[in-house]
Amino acid sequence: MTDRTPADALVAACGAAAKEAAGPLARAEPTAIDAALRGMADLLESAAGQVLAANEADMTAARQAGIGGALLDRLRLDQARVADMARQLRILAGTAHPPSSTPLGELPGGLRLIERRRPVGVIGANFEARPNVTLDIASQLVKSGNAGVLRTGSAAARSARALVDAVITPALTAAGLPAAAIQLVPGADRETAAALVRQPGLIPLVILRGSGEVTRTLGQEAARHGVRTLAHADGGGVLYVHAGADLAKAQEIVERSVDRLGVCNRLNLLLVDEAIYERALPELLATLEKAGIEPSLPPHDHPRGYEWALDSERAATVTVDRAAGPAAAAGIANDETSGLAAGIVTEDRAAAEEFLATYTGTGAFWNATTRLLDGFKLLQVPETGINIDRVPGPRGPVTFRDLYLRQYVVVPDGHGAG
């Protein structure tokens, strides 16, 4: 690179350190990796005071900067959230590692075909104002045998640094793994986010999480430099209340879908069947009002799929509209939203099957909340993010099982290379 910026040099130094650690980490025994994860859980609990103090400093700075509502909720850690993070780490440590190689069959000429799983090497991650994501991503990288370079924005910088310094690094060291395997880019200059996706020789794959526009811009920059990305740019759950719905069940699902407003899988667009719109709307609006949600009713002055979670001023909003039937509702979710998740509430099996067959997004739900589209809730392991790309590859919650390269190995029959 001819015009290296200070940010490029800073990220490259982190990438070089992680790359040196990647080989030993990839060769580490699963028992050592799981010991490191259990060590992270133990240290998180013992260092909770230090982590929470750093988070409180982040929270104070955020309030002074005028950040509030859903964004502040994303940033906040407390004893309950710390305890849940530790619990998830222990569950991840107890989760079986996939086989490193799988026999696929015989080839002509006395040969055998084997599929091997290879770590990527170094994986980058850019995320905003979500301290728990620091541990989610770091733990998934370690479990998959990949080193990592993490970068977060200024809002969560103190919390992330405390988690790396007091939890992640010492746990790696105690388990006999390279301490440099997880790097946190110092500082929070926005230019470091762009620099993270400009290092193809050091960081060939970057996980992108954050607001849609920022993530899309970083994805375009990555493409220009030959860096691949797993992007989590947009979200917003859709719920369609069919004419055959149990209205009490619909109200319960609506209520559970807005328990947190700063998350991507919350209820964003509520569609009500035309046949019951006038009858069901008052009860559904009462449920939203009880949850502190402002409905945006037609005619709308915004796109129907506008994601309220990214609007700090109006996060406590849900768009409400009519739908002509299951296929029409699924079509709206396909064409006018991110394609993250959509669900139907109905007791009519045929209607549910029509909706599920028509919706092409990442997660589809029948009589269930889209809040379930989460790595831990669905798969019992944390996630690095939710990939909604419409291309082959990991889609939905991305976990350690997805962070590998497939390698085909051909060997003479009778030789042990598998």
Protein backbone atom coordinates (compact mmCIF):
# COMPACT_ATOMS: atom_id res chain seq x y z
CA MET A 1 0.00 0.00 0.00
CA THR A 2 1.59 3.26 -1.11
CA ASP A 3 -0.33 5.81 1.00
CA ARG A 4 -0.45 4.17 4.41
CA THR A 5 -2.21 6.23 7.06
CA PRO A 6 -1.39 6.08 10.78
CA ALA A 7 -4.58 4.03 11.18
CA ASP A 8 -3.36 1.55 8.56
CA ALA A 9 -0.08 1.15 10.42
CA LEU A 10 -1.87 0.69 13.76
CA VAL A 11 -4.21 -1.99 12.42
CA ALA A 12 -1.40 -3.68 10.48
CA ALA A 13 0.61 -4.01 13.71
CA CYS A 14 -2.36 -5.69 15.38
CA GLY A 15 -2.84 -7.91 12.34
CA ALA A 16 0.81 -8.95 12.30
CA ALA A 17 0.71 -9.88 16.00
CA ALA A 18 -2.48 -11.86 15.50
CA LYS A 19 -1.06 -13.61 12.43
CA GLU A 20 1.99 -14.76 14.40
CA ALA A 21 -0.34 -16.19 17.06
CA ALA A 22 -2.70 -17.80 14.55
CA GLY A 23 -0.50 -20.82 13.79
CA PRO A 24 -0.08 -21.99 17.39
CA LEU A 25 -3.77 -21.35 18.07
CA ALA A 26 -4.82 -23.41 15.05
CA ARG A 27 -2.69 -26.31 16.28
CA ALA A 28 -3.92 -26.08 19.89
CA GLU A 29 -5.69 -29.03 21.45
CA PRO A 30 -9.45 -28.63 21.94
CA THR A 31 -8.94 -29.16 25.67
CA ALA A 32 -6.70 -26.08 25.84
CA ILE A 33 -9.17 -23.99 23.88
CA ASP A 34 -12.05 -24.99 26.14
CA ALA A 35 -9.91 -24.33 29.21
CA ALA A 36 -9.34 -20.80 27.92
CA LEU A 37 -13.09 -20.27 27.51
CA ARG A 38 -13.78 -21.52 31.02
CA GLY A 39 -10.99 -19.25 32.23
CA MET A 40 -12.68 -16.29 30.55
CA ALA A 41 -15.89 -17.11 32.41
CA ASP A 42 -14.07 -17.31 35.75
CA LEU A 43 -12.13 -14.11 35.16
CA LEU A 44 -15.24 -12.27 34.00
CA GLU A 45 -16.87 -13.03 37.32
CA SER A 46 -13.81 -12.21 39.43
CA ALA A 47 -13.07 -9.01 37.47
CA ALA A 48 -16.71 -7.93 37.23
CA GLY A 49 -16.06 -4.82 39.33
CA GLN A 50 -13.31 -3.66 36.97
CA VAL A 51 -15.41 -4.38 33.89
CA LEU A 52 -18.51 -2.67 35.29
CA ALA A 53 -16.50 0.39 36.35
CA ALA A 54 -15.15 0.73 32.81
CA ASN A 55 -18.66 0.33 31.45
CA GLU A 56 -20.01 2.99 33.81
CA ALA A 57 -17.35 5.38 32.49
CA ASP A 58 -18.55 4.59 28.95
CA MET A 59 -22.17 5.11 30.03
CA THR A 60 -21.37 8.48 31.65
CA ALA A 61 -19.58 9.69 28.53
CA ALA A 62 -22.47 8.49 26.37
CA ARG A 63 -25.05 10.36 28.47
CA GLN A 64 -22.94 13.51 28.31
CA ALA A 65 -22.82 13.13 24.53
CA GLY A 66 -26.62 12.97 24.41
CA ILE A 67 -26.89 9.26 23.67
CA GLY A 68 -29.97 7.66 25.16
CA GLY A 69 -32.75 5.15 24.73
CA ALA A 70 -32.04 2.00 22.76
CA LEU A 71 -28.40 2.90 22.05
CA LEU A 72 -27.70 3.37 25.74
CA ASP A 73 -29.35 0.03 26.46
CA ARG A 74 -27.00 -1.66 23.97
CA LEU A 75 -24.01 -0.14 25.74
CA ARG A 76 -25.03 -1.02 29.30
CA LEU A 77 -23.58 -3.87 31.31
CA ASP A 78 -24.84 -4.89 34.75
CA GLN A 79 -24.37 -7.82 37.10
CA ALA A 80 -27.14 -9.82 35.42
CA ARG A 81 -25.69 -9.32 31.93
CA VAL A 82 -22.19 -10.18 33.14
CA ALA A 83 -23.50 -13.35 34.78
CA ASP A 84 -25.25 -14.31 31.54
CA MET A 85 -22.08 -13.70 29.53
CA ALA A 86 -20.15 -16.00 31.88
CA ARG A 87 -22.86 -18.66 31.61
CA GLN A 88 -22.71 -18.57 27.82
CA LEU A 89 -18.92 -18.91 27.87
CA ARG A 90 -19.17 -22.06 29.98
CA ILE A 91 -21.79 -23.53 27.68
CA LEU A 92 -19.58 -22.77 24.68
CA ALA A 93 -16.63 -24.46 26.42
CA GLY A 94 -18.73 -27.58 26.84
CA THR A 95 -19.92 -27.61 23.23
CA ALA A 96 -18.32 -30.34 21.12
CA HIS A 97 -15.75 -29.32 18.51
CA PRO A 98 -16.67 -30.42 14.97
CA PRO A 99 -14.35 -33.05 13.48
CA SER A 100 -11.23 -31.63 11.87
CA SER A 101 -11.56 -34.09 8.98
CA THR A 102 -14.35 -36.15 7.46
CA PRO A 103 -13.92 -39.07 5.00
CA LEU A 104 -16.03 -38.46 1.88
CA GLY A 105 -15.41 -41.63 -0.11
CA GLU A 106 -13.24 -43.45 -2.59
CA LEU A 107 -11.80 -42.18 -5.88
CA PRO A 108 -10.55 -44.22 -8.86
CA GLY A 109 -6.97 -45.44 -8.71
CA GLY A 110 -6.99 -46.52 -5.08
CA LEU A 111 -7.42 -43.03 -3.66
CA ARG A 112 -9.48 -41.65 -0.77
CA LEU A 113 -11.15 -38.23 -0.52
CA ILE A 114 -11.15 -36.40 2.80
CA GLU A 115 -12.67 -33.03 3.72
CA ARG A 116 -10.68 -31.04 6.25
CA ARG A 117 -11.70 -27.97 8.24
CA ARG A 118 -9.02 -25.28 8.32
CA PRO A 119 -9.18 -22.07 10.38
CA VAL A 120 -9.19 -18.89 8.33
CA GLY A 121 -6.16 -17.64 10.28
CA VAL A 122 -6.92 -14.06 11.33
CA ILE A 123 -10.45 -12.67 11.31
CA GLY A 124 -11.23 -9.02 11.94
CA ALA A 125 -14.39 -7.64 13.53
CA ASN A 126 -15.83 -4.13 13.65
CA PHE A 127 -18.72 -3.48 16.01
CA GLU A 128 -20.28 -0.51 17.78
CA ALA A 129 -21.39 0.18 21.35
CA ARG A 130 -22.03 -3.46 22.36
CA PRO A 131 -19.49 -4.50 25.02
CA ASN A 132 -20.86 -8.06 25.19
CA VAL A 133 -20.02 -8.48 21.50
CA THR A 134 -16.33 -8.19 22.43
CA LEU A 135 -16.60 -11.49 24.30
CA ASP A 136 -19.09 -13.06 21.88
CA ILE A 137 -16.77 -12.62 18.91
CA ALA A 138 -13.52 -13.32 20.75
CA SER A 139 -14.88 -16.57 22.18
CA GLN A 140 -16.16 -17.75 18.80
CA LEU A 141 -12.80 -17.00 17.19
CA VAL A 142 -10.87 -18.86 19.87
CA LYS A 143 -13.26 -21.83 19.75
CA SER A 144 -12.77 -22.07 15.98
CA GLY A 145 -8.97 -21.79 16.22
CA ASN A 146 -8.82 -18.35 14.62
CA ALA A 147 -6.92 -15.31 15.86
CA GLY A 148 -8.71 -11.98 15.75
CA VAL A 149 -8.36 -8.22 15.44
CA LEU A 150 -11.29 -6.44 17.08
CA ARG A 151 -12.23 -2.82 16.62
CA THR A 152 -15.04 -0.97 18.39
CA GLY A 153 -16.19 2.64 18.44
CA SER A 154 -15.45 5.20 21.12
CA ALA A 155 -18.73 4.59 22.97
CA ALA A 156 -17.68 1.11 24.15
CA ALA A 157 -13.90 1.54 24.07
CA ARG A 158 -13.30 1.42 27.84
CA SER A 159 -15.56 -1.62 28.33
CA ALA A 160 -13.93 -3.51 25.46
CA ARG A 161 -10.44 -2.74 26.73
CA ALA A 162 -11.32 -3.98 30.22
CA LEU A 163 -12.71 -7.22 28.80
CA VAL A 164 -9.60 -7.87 26.70
CA ASP A 165 -7.08 -6.92 29.37
CA ALA A 166 -8.78 -8.43 32.44
CA VAL A 167 -10.58 -11.42 30.92
CA ILE A 168 -9.56 -12.56 27.44
CA THR A 169 -5.76 -12.15 27.42
CA PRO A 170 -5.06 -13.64 30.87
CA ALA A 171 -7.37 -16.58 30.14
CA LEU A 172 -5.48 -17.35 26.94
CA THR A 173 -2.16 -17.17 28.78
CA ALA A 174 -3.34 -19.39 31.61
CA ALA A 175 -4.47 -22.04 29.11
CA GLY A 176 -1.08 -22.03 27.37
CA LEU A 177 -2.41 -20.28 24.25
CA PRO A 178 -0.77 -17.24 22.63
CA ALA A 179 -1.85 -14.08 24.44
CA ALA A 180 -1.65 -12.10 21.19
CA ALA A 181 -4.34 -14.22 19.53
CA ILE A 182 -7.03 -11.62 20.27
CA GLN A 183 -6.03 -8.04 19.48
CA LEU A 184 -8.08 -4.93 20.26
CA VAL A 185 -7.19 -1.97 18.04
CA PRO A 186 -6.08 0.87 20.38
CA GLY A 187 -8.10 4.05 20.29
CA ALA A 188 -11.38 4.55 18.53
CA ASP A 189 -10.54 6.72 15.53
CA ARG A 190 -13.14 6.06 12.82
CA GLU A 191 -10.36 5.70 10.30
CA THR A 192 -9.28 2.48 12.03
CA ALA A 193 -12.57 0.89 10.93
CA ALA A 194 -11.67 1.54 7.29
CA ALA A 195 -8.10 0.40 7.92
CA LEU A 196 -9.39 -2.91 9.28
CA VAL A 197 -10.80 -3.84 5.86
CA ARG A 198 -7.66 -2.81 3.96
CA GLN A 199 -5.29 -5.58 5.12
CA PRO A 200 -5.89 -8.60 2.83
CA GLY A 201 -2.48 -10.12 3.58
CA LEU A 202 -3.04 -9.99 7.33
CA ILE A 203 -6.80 -9.95 7.87
CA PRO A 204 -8.50 -11.66 4.91
CA LEU A 205 -11.98 -11.82 6.47
CA VAL A 206 -13.77 -9.16 8.55
CA ILE A 207 -17.03 -9.44 10.46
CA LEU A 208 -18.98 -6.18 10.19
CA ARG A 209 -21.66 -5.27 12.70
CA GLY A 210 -23.28 -1.87 13.16
CA SER A 211 -25.59 0.62 11.54
CA GLY A 212 -26.56 -0.24 8.00
CA GLU A 213 -24.95 2.69 6.20
CA VAL A 214 -21.62 2.42 8.03
CA THR A 215 -21.45 -1.33 7.47
CA ARG A 216 -22.33 -1.03 3.78
CA THR A 217 -19.61 1.61 3.32
CA LEU A 218 -17.04 -0.63 5.03
CA GLY A 219 -18.16 -3.57 2.89
CA GLN A 220 -17.55 -1.55 -0.26
CA GLU A 221 -14.11 -0.50 0.99
CA ALA A 222 -13.29 -4.14 1.79
CA ALA A 223 -14.28 -5.23 -1.71
CA ARG A 224 -11.93 -2.66 -3.22
CA HIS A 225 -9.04 -4.18 -1.28
CA GLY A 226 -9.84 -7.86 -1.77
CA VAL A 227 -11.05 -8.46 1.79
CA ARG A 228 -14.08 -10.69 2.31
CA THR A 229 -16.76 -9.73 4.82
CA LEU A 230 -19.53 -11.27 6.87
CA ALA A 231 -21.81 -8.29 7.26
CA HIS A 232 -24.62 -7.67 9.71
CA ALA A 233 -25.85 -4.33 8.44
CA ASP A 234 -29.63 -4.29 8.73
CA GLY A 235 -32.33 -5.88 10.82
CA GLY A 236 -35.92 -5.43 11.87
CA GLY A 237 -38.40 -8.21 12.55
CA VAL A 238 -41.77 -8.51 10.80
CA LEU A 239 -44.87 -10.03 12.40
CA TYR A 240 -48.01 -10.77 10.39
CA VAL A 241 -51.25 -11.35 12.30
CA HIS A 242 -53.39 -13.56 10.07
CA ALA A 243 -57.17 -13.68 10.09
CA GLY A 244 -56.95 -17.10 11.71
CA ALA A 245 -54.81 -15.87 14.60
CA ASP A 246 -55.54 -16.35 18.27
CA LEU A 247 -55.55 -12.66 19.13
CA ALA A 248 -54.43 -13.21 22.73
CA LYS A 249 -51.46 -15.20 21.42
CA ALA A 250 -50.69 -12.42 18.94
CA GLN A 251 -50.69 -9.85 21.73
CA GLU A 252 -48.35 -12.00 23.81
CA ILE A 253 -45.93 -12.39 20.88
CA VAL A 254 -46.02 -8.65 20.17
CA GLU A 255 -45.21 -7.94 23.81
CA ARG A 256 -42.27 -10.38 23.82
CA SER A 257 -41.02 -8.92 20.54
CA VAL A 258 -40.40 -5.45 21.98
CA ASP A 259 -38.73 -6.37 25.28
CA ARG A 260 -35.55 -4.69 23.99
CA LEU A 261 -35.56 -1.96 21.36
CA GLY A 262 -31.88 -1.63 20.44
CA VAL A 263 -31.55 -5.12 18.95
CA CYS A 264 -31.88 -6.14 15.32
CA ASN A 265 -34.44 -8.93 15.82
CA ARG A 266 -37.07 -6.86 17.65
CA LEU A 267 -40.49 -6.21 16.15
CA ASN A 268 -40.17 -3.47 13.56
CA LEU A 269 -43.13 -3.95 11.21
CA LEU A 270 -46.52 -5.26 12.36
CA LEU A 271 -48.78 -6.41 9.52
CA VAL A 272 -52.43 -7.16 10.21
CA ASP A 273 -54.67 -9.08 7.83
CA GLU A 274 -57.20 -6.88 6.04
CA ALA A 275 -60.04 -9.16 7.11
CA ILE A 276 -59.46 -8.45 10.82
CA TYR A 277 -57.67 -5.10 10.67
CA GLU A 278 -60.45 -2.95 12.11
CA ARG A 279 -61.36 -5.51 14.77
CA ALA A 280 -57.85 -6.51 15.88
CA LEU A 281 -56.10 -3.16 15.63
CA PRO A 282 -57.38 -1.62 18.91
CA GLU A 283 -56.17 -4.58 20.98
CA LEU A 284 -52.80 -4.70 19.24
CA LEU A 285 -52.34 -0.96 19.70
CA ALA A 286 -53.20 -1.33 23.38
CA THR A 287 -50.45 -3.96 23.67
CA LEU A 288 -47.94 -1.63 22.03
CA GLU A 289 -49.01 1.26 24.26
CA LYS A 290 -48.60 -0.91 27.37
CA ALA A 291 -45.03 -1.67 26.25
CA GLY A 292 -44.29 2.03 25.72
CA ILE A 293 -44.30 1.74 21.94
CA GLU A 294 -45.60 4.44 19.58
CA PRO A 295 -47.29 2.97 16.48
CA SER A 296 -46.59 4.49 13.09
CA LEU A 297 -49.93 4.10 11.31
CA PRO A 298 -50.71 4.53 7.61
CA PRO A 299 -50.24 6.69 5.66
CA HIS A 300 -46.55 6.54 6.54
CA ASP A 301 -44.02 9.32 5.96
CA HIS A 302 -41.18 6.77 5.83
CA PRO A 303 -40.40 3.51 4.00
CA ARG A 304 -42.50 0.65 5.35
CA GLY A 305 -39.37 -1.31 6.32
CA TYR A 306 -37.59 1.59 8.05
CA GLU A 307 -35.54 0.15 10.94
CA TRP A 308 -36.48 1.94 14.14
CA ALA A 309 -33.72 0.34 16.23
CA LEU A 310 -31.19 2.52 14.39
CA ASP A 311 -33.14 5.73 15.05
CA SER A 312 -32.04 6.88 18.51
CA GLU A 313 -34.74 9.54 18.63
CA ARG A 314 -37.67 7.25 17.77
CA ALA A 315 -36.51 3.74 18.64
CA ALA A 316 -39.72 3.11 20.62
CA THR A 317 -41.75 2.90 17.40
CA VAL A 318 -43.31 0.07 15.41
CA THR A 319 -44.71 0.48 11.91
CA VAL A 320 -48.24 -0.90 11.51
CA ASP A 321 -49.94 -1.69 8.20
CA ARG A 322 -52.40 -3.99 6.44
CA ALA A 323 -51.65 -7.12 4.42
CA ALA A 324 -53.94 -8.89 1.96
CA GLY A 325 -52.97 -12.44 3.01
CA PRO A 326 -50.05 -14.72 3.87
CA ALA A 327 -48.33 -14.49 0.48
CA ALA A 328 -48.79 -10.72 0.35
CA ALA A 329 -47.41 -10.31 3.88
CA ALA A 330 -44.41 -12.48 3.07
CA GLY A 331 -43.89 -10.49 -0.13
CA ILE A 332 -43.78 -7.25 1.83
CA ALA A 333 -41.20 -8.77 4.18
CA ASN A 334 -39.17 -10.03 1.20
CA ASP A 335 -39.23 -6.85 -0.84
CA GLU A 336 -39.37 -4.02 1.69
CA THR A 337 -37.32 -5.17 4.68
CA SER A 338 -33.79 -6.40 5.28
CA GLY A 339 -34.78 -10.05 5.12
CA LEU A 340 -33.62 -10.71 8.67
CA ALA A 341 -36.73 -12.34 10.15
CA ALA A 342 -40.50 -12.55 9.73
CA GLY A 343 -43.23 -14.47 11.47
CA ILE A 344 -46.90 -15.30 11.17
CA VAL A 345 -49.46 -15.67 13.96
CA THR A 346 -52.25 -18.04 12.98
CA GLU A 347 -54.02 -21.26 13.94
CA ASP A 348 -54.55 -22.01 10.22
CA ARG A 349 -51.88 -24.48 9.13
CA ALA A 350 -52.39 -23.84 5.41
CA ALA A 351 -51.95 -20.10 5.91
CA ALA A 352 -48.79 -20.66 7.94
CA GLU A 353 -47.33 -22.99 5.32
CA GLU A 354 -48.12 -20.47 2.56
CA PHE A 355 -46.34 -17.72 4.49
CA LEU A 356 -43.32 -19.89 5.33
CA ALA A 357 -43.03 -21.12 1.75
CA THR A 358 -43.13 -17.56 0.37
CA TYR A 359 -40.83 -15.79 2.81
CA THR A 360 -37.18 -16.07 1.72
CA GLY A 361 -35.46 -14.28 4.59
CA THR A 362 -32.99 -15.61 7.12
CA GLY A 363 -35.38 -16.63 9.89
CA ALA A 364 -39.05 -17.64 9.52
CA PHE A 365 -41.38 -18.13 12.49
CA TRP A 366 -44.88 -19.48 13.12
CA ASN A 367 -46.53 -18.41 16.39
CA ALA A 368 -43.15 -17.33 17.74
CA THR A 369 -41.28 -14.06 18.16
CA THR A 370 -38.48 -13.01 15.81
CA ARG A 371 -36.45 -12.28 18.97
CA LEU A 372 -35.53 -15.97 18.81
CA LEU A 373 -33.26 -15.29 15.82
CA ASP A 374 -30.15 -15.27 17.96
CA GLY A 375 -27.19 -17.62 18.11
CA PHE A 376 -27.63 -18.54 21.73
CA LYS A 377 -31.43 -18.80 21.67
CA LEU A 378 -31.47 -20.98 18.54
CA LEU A 379 -28.17 -22.86 18.65
CA GLN A 380 -27.05 -22.65 22.30
CA VAL A 381 -23.81 -20.86 21.41
CA PRO A 382 -23.03 -17.14 21.11
CA GLU A 383 -22.84 -15.60 17.66
CA THR A 384 -20.48 -13.26 15.84
CA GLY A 385 -23.49 -11.69 14.13
CA ILE A 386 -26.39 -12.60 11.88
CA ASN A 387 -25.52 -12.85 8.20
CA ILE A 388 -28.41 -12.06 5.83
CA ASP A 389 -26.50 -12.27 2.53
CA ARG A 390 -28.39 -13.93 -0.32
CA VAL A 391 -25.35 -15.95 -1.42
CA PRO A 392 -24.07 -19.41 -0.48
CA GLY A 393 -22.20 -19.55 2.81
CA PRO A 394 -23.06 -19.07 6.47
CA ARG A 395 -26.49 -17.44 6.77
CA GLY A 396 -28.31 -16.59 9.95
CA PRO A 397 -26.49 -16.57 13.31
CA VAL A 398 -22.80 -17.12 12.53
CA THR A 399 -21.04 -19.26 15.13
CA PHE A 400 -17.64 -20.93 15.51
CA ARG A 401 -18.87 -23.80 13.31
CA ASP A 402 -18.97 -21.42 10.32
CA LEU A 403 -15.53 -19.82 10.73
CA TYR A 404 -13.45 -22.28 8.77
CA LEU A 405 -12.19 -23.04 5.28
CA ARG A 406 -13.01 -26.31 3.54
CA GLN A 407 -10.06 -28.24 2.15
CA TYR A 408 -10.25 -31.36 -0.03
CA VAL A 409 -7.43 -33.84 0.58
CA VAL A 410 -6.76 -36.82 -1.69
CA VAL A 411 -4.54 -39.61 -0.31
CA PRO A 412 -3.67 -43.19 -1.26
CA ASP A 413 -6.06 -45.71 0.24
CA GLY A 414 -4.67 -47.21 3.39
CA HIS A 415 -2.57 -44.16 4.33
CA GLY A 416 -3.68 -42.36 7.46
CA ALA A 417 -4.09 -38.71 6.56
CA GLY A 418 -7.63 -38.26 7.76
